Amino acid sequence: VLLMEIITGRSPVDYSRPPGEMNLVDWFKGMIASRRGEEVVDPLIEVQPSPRTLKRALLVCLRCIDLDPSKRPKMGQIVHMLEADEFPFRAEPRSGQPERQILSIPMQLLPIKFH
């Protein structure tokens, strides 16, 4: 959720927004499902991410809010995804689960200055 807050500039819950936008996670999922991912980026971010970087960051967010907690990456995996440039790594399997590939994401998204 923190990464979604950084990308969107929104709080997790904002009662001043319209009903469909109050809950950040629900709004975010809806925007991505509607193929409107570029519209979730906070316009106050001085350096807008490239489409590829944005897509990767959005995918990391979606992985983190998976309804199945066993499919969510661990914090260490998230850090690797955010630090890696083009270096995919093997996920640590959760108890009894097979290993799986995880996307990587460059840090270009996060030279963000907060106002």
C-alpha atoms as a PDB file:
ATOM      1  CA  VAL A   1       0.000   0.000   0.000  1.00  0.00           C
ATOM      2  CA  LEU A   2       2.915   2.348   0.694  1.00  0.00           C
ATOM      3  CA  LEU A   3       4.132   2.017  -2.901  1.00  0.00           C
ATOM      4  CA  MET A   4       0.601   2.800  -4.119  1.00  0.00           C
ATOM      5  CA  GLU A   5       0.601   5.905  -1.897  1.00  0.00           C
ATOM      6  CA  ILE A   6       3.919   7.025  -3.393  1.00  0.00           C
ATOM      7  CA  ILE A   7       2.791   6.444  -6.970  1.00  0.00           C
ATOM      8  CA  THR A   8      -0.644   8.022  -6.595  1.00  0.00           C
ATOM      9  CA  GLY A   9      -0.040  10.687  -3.957  1.00  0.00           C
ATOM     10  CA  ARG A  10      -3.205   9.450  -2.215  1.00  0.00           C
ATOM     11  CA  SER A  11      -3.931   8.225   1.293  1.00  0.00           C
ATOM     12  CA  PRO A  12      -5.139   4.649   1.871  1.00  0.00           C
ATOM     13  CA  VAL A  13      -8.586   5.984   2.844  1.00  0.00           C
ATOM     14  CA  ASP A  14      -9.818   9.440   1.876  1.00  0.00           C
ATOM     15  CA  TYR A  15     -13.431  10.222   2.790  1.00  0.00           C
ATOM     16  CA  SER A  16     -13.319  13.475   0.811  1.00  0.00           C
ATOM     17  CA  ARG A  17     -13.213  11.493  -2.458  1.00  0.00           C
ATOM     18  CA  PRO A  18     -16.245  10.116  -4.311  1.00  0.00           C
ATOM     19  CA  PRO A  19     -17.487   6.685  -3.083  1.00  0.00           C
ATOM     20  CA  GLY A  20     -15.614   4.676  -5.742  1.00  0.00           C
ATOM     21  CA  GLU A  21     -12.356   6.444  -4.912  1.00  0.00           C
ATOM     22  CA  MET A  22     -12.343   6.492  -1.093  1.00  0.00           C
ATOM     23  CA  ASN A  23     -10.437   3.230  -0.685  1.00  0.00           C
ATOM     24  CA  LEU A  24      -7.044   3.424  -2.403  1.00  0.00           C
ATOM     25  CA  VAL A  25      -6.677  -0.323  -2.987  1.00  0.00           C
ATOM     26  CA  ASP A  26     -10.133  -0.718  -4.535  1.00  0.00           C
ATOM     27  CA  TRP A  27      -9.739   2.391  -6.690  1.00  0.00           C
ATOM     28  CA  PHE A  28      -6.249   1.317  -7.769  1.00  0.00           C
ATOM     29  CA  LYS A  29      -7.408  -2.180  -8.759  1.00  0.00           C
ATOM     30  CA  GLY A  30     -10.298  -0.703 -10.733  1.00  0.00           C
ATOM     31  CA  MET A  31      -8.053   1.722 -12.580  1.00  0.00           C
ATOM     32  CA  ILE A  32      -5.597  -1.025 -13.514  1.00  0.00           C
ATOM     33  CA  ALA A  33      -8.431  -3.378 -14.555  1.00  0.00           C
ATOM     34  CA  SER A  34      -9.768  -0.599 -16.811  1.00  0.00           C
ATOM     35  CA  ARG A  35      -6.319  -0.184 -18.388  1.00  0.00           C
ATOM     36  CA  ARG A  36      -5.995   3.308 -16.950  1.00  0.00           C
ATOM     37  CA  GLY A  37      -2.734   2.732 -15.095  1.00  0.00           C
ATOM     38  CA  GLU A  38      -1.094   5.905 -16.378  1.00  0.00           C
ATOM     39  CA  GLU A  39      -3.910   7.912 -14.763  1.00  0.00           C
ATOM     40  CA  VAL A  40      -3.008   6.741 -11.249  1.00  0.00           C
ATOM     41  CA  VAL A  41       0.354   8.563 -11.259  1.00  0.00           C
ATOM     42  CA  ASP A  42       0.478  11.611  -8.999  1.00  0.00           C
ATOM     43  CA  PRO A  43       0.786  14.664 -11.269  1.00  0.00           C
ATOM     44  CA  LEU A  44       3.038  16.267  -8.640  1.00  0.00           C
ATOM     45  CA  ILE A  45       5.806  13.726  -9.310  1.00  0.00           C
ATOM     46  CA  GLU A  46       8.460  15.864 -10.959  1.00  0.00           C
ATOM     47  CA  VAL A  47       9.999  13.078 -13.048  1.00  0.00           C
ATOM     48  CA  GLN A  48       7.236  10.989 -14.575  1.00  0.00           C
ATOM     49  CA  PRO A  49       8.189   7.313 -14.929  1.00  0.00           C
ATOM     50  CA  SER A  50       8.585   5.721 -18.336  1.00  0.00           C
ATOM     51  CA  PRO A  51       5.652   3.525 -19.393  1.00  0.00           C
ATOM     52  CA  ARG A  52       7.751   0.401 -18.813  1.00  0.00           C
ATOM     53  CA  THR A  53       8.839   1.498 -15.346  1.00  0.00           C
ATOM     54  CA  LEU A  54       5.296   2.434 -14.415  1.00  0.00           C
ATOM     55  CA  LYS A  55       3.963  -0.918 -15.600  1.00  0.00           C
ATOM     56  CA  ARG A  56       6.509  -2.756 -13.498  1.00  0.00           C
ATOM     57  CA  ALA A  57       5.719  -0.666 -10.405  1.00  0.00           C
ATOM     58  CA  LEU A  58       1.994  -1.242 -10.878  1.00  0.00           C
ATOM     59  CA  LEU A  59       2.593  -4.976 -11.183  1.00  0.00           C
ATOM     60  CA  VAL A  60       4.559  -4.954  -7.926  1.00  0.00           C
ATOM     61  CA  CYS A  61       1.635  -3.168  -6.261  1.00  0.00           C
ATOM     62  CA  LEU A  62      -0.834  -5.704  -7.608  1.00  0.00           C
ATOM     63  CA  ARG A  63       1.319  -8.577  -6.366  1.00  0.00           C
ATOM     64  CA  CYS A  64       1.382  -7.015  -2.898  1.00  0.00           C
ATOM     65  CA  ILE A  65      -2.393  -6.737  -2.638  1.00  0.00           C
ATOM     66  CA  ASP A  66      -3.217 -10.199  -3.984  1.00  0.00           C
ATOM     67  CA  LEU A  67      -6.268 -11.597  -2.202  1.00  0.00           C
ATOM     68  CA  ASP A  68      -4.298 -14.774  -1.528  1.00  0.00           C
ATOM     69  CA  PRO A  69      -1.702 -13.805   1.098  1.00  0.00           C
ATOM     70  CA  SER A  70       0.509 -16.769   0.132  1.00  0.00           C
ATOM     71  CA  LYS A  71       0.986 -15.195  -3.324  1.00  0.00           C
ATOM     72  CA  ARG A  72       2.156 -11.846  -1.958  1.00  0.00           C
ATOM     73  CA  PRO A  73       5.912 -11.250  -2.072  1.00  0.00           C
ATOM     74  CA  LYS A  74       7.871 -10.930   1.138  1.00  0.00           C
ATOM     75  CA  MET A  75       9.361  -7.540   1.987  1.00  0.00           C
ATOM     76  CA  GLY A  76      12.851  -8.658   0.970  1.00  0.00           C
ATOM     77  CA  GLN A  77      11.523  -9.711  -2.419  1.00  0.00           C
ATOM     78  CA  ILE A  78       9.828  -6.341  -2.853  1.00  0.00           C
ATOM     79  CA  VAL A  79      13.086  -4.566  -2.071  1.00  0.00           C
ATOM     80  CA  HIS A  80      14.867  -6.691  -4.686  1.00  0.00           C
ATOM     81  CA  MET A  81      12.149  -5.965  -7.237  1.00  0.00           C
ATOM     82  CA  LEU A  82      12.479  -2.238  -6.613  1.00  0.00           C
ATOM     83  CA  GLU A  83      16.290  -2.212  -6.597  1.00  0.00           C
ATOM     84  CA  ALA A  84      16.872  -4.508  -9.557  1.00  0.00           C
ATOM     85  CA  ASP A  85      17.264  -3.093 -13.030  1.00  0.00           C
ATOM     86  CA  GLU A  86      16.902  -6.011 -15.400  1.00  0.00           C
ATOM     87  CA  PHE A  87      17.987  -8.811 -13.092  1.00  0.00           C
ATOM     88  CA  PRO A  88      15.188 -11.283 -12.390  1.00  0.00           C
ATOM     89  CA  PHE A  89      15.638 -13.447  -9.318  1.00  0.00           C
ATOM     90  CA  ARG A  90      14.104 -16.587  -7.954  1.00  0.00           C
ATOM     91  CA  ALA A  91      11.503 -16.011  -5.289  1.00  0.00           C
ATOM     92  CA  GLU A  92      11.962 -17.684  -1.959  1.00  0.00           C
ATOM     93  CA  PRO A  93       9.241 -20.298  -1.883  1.00  0.00           C
ATOM     94  CA  ARG A  94       6.690 -19.903   0.861  1.00  0.00           C
ATOM     95  CA  SER A  95       6.280 -23.023   2.930  1.00  0.00           C
ATOM     96  CA  GLY A  96       5.569 -25.921   0.598  1.00  0.00           C
ATOM     97  CA  GLN A  97       5.192 -23.830  -2.566  1.00  0.00           C
ATOM     98  CA  PRO A  98       7.298 -24.157  -5.709  1.00  0.00           C
ATOM     99  CA  GLU A  99       9.717 -21.423  -6.684  1.00  0.00           C
ATOM    100  CA  ARG A 100       8.513 -18.881  -9.220  1.00  0.00           C
ATOM    101  CA  GLN A 101      10.029 -16.037 -11.208  1.00  0.00           C
ATOM    102  CA  ILE A 102       9.313 -12.504 -10.044  1.00  0.00           C
ATOM    103  CA  LEU A 103       9.450  -9.339 -12.128  1.00  0.00           C
ATOM    104  CA  SER A 104      12.087  -6.773 -11.352  1.00  0.00           C
ATOM    105  CA  ILE A 105      11.636  -3.010 -11.327  1.00  0.00           C
ATOM    106  CA  PRO A 106      14.203  -0.231 -11.793  1.00  0.00           C
ATOM    107  CA  MET A 107      14.457   2.485  -9.176  1.00  0.00           C
ATOM    108  CA  GLN A 108      13.711   5.206 -11.771  1.00  0.00           C
ATOM    109  CA  LEU A 109      10.238   5.553 -10.336  1.00  0.00           C
ATOM    110  CA  LEU A 110      11.402   6.759  -6.953  1.00  0.00           C
ATOM    111  CA  PRO A 111      13.443   9.953  -7.449  1.00  0.00           C
ATOM    112  CA  ILE A 112      10.292  11.607  -6.145  1.00  0.00           C
ATOM    113  CA  LYS A 113      10.272  14.932  -4.352  1.00  0.00           C
ATOM    114  CA  PHE A 114       7.375  15.354  -1.945  1.00  0.00           C
ATOM    115  CA  HIS A 115       5.715  18.737  -1.624  1.00  0.00           C
END
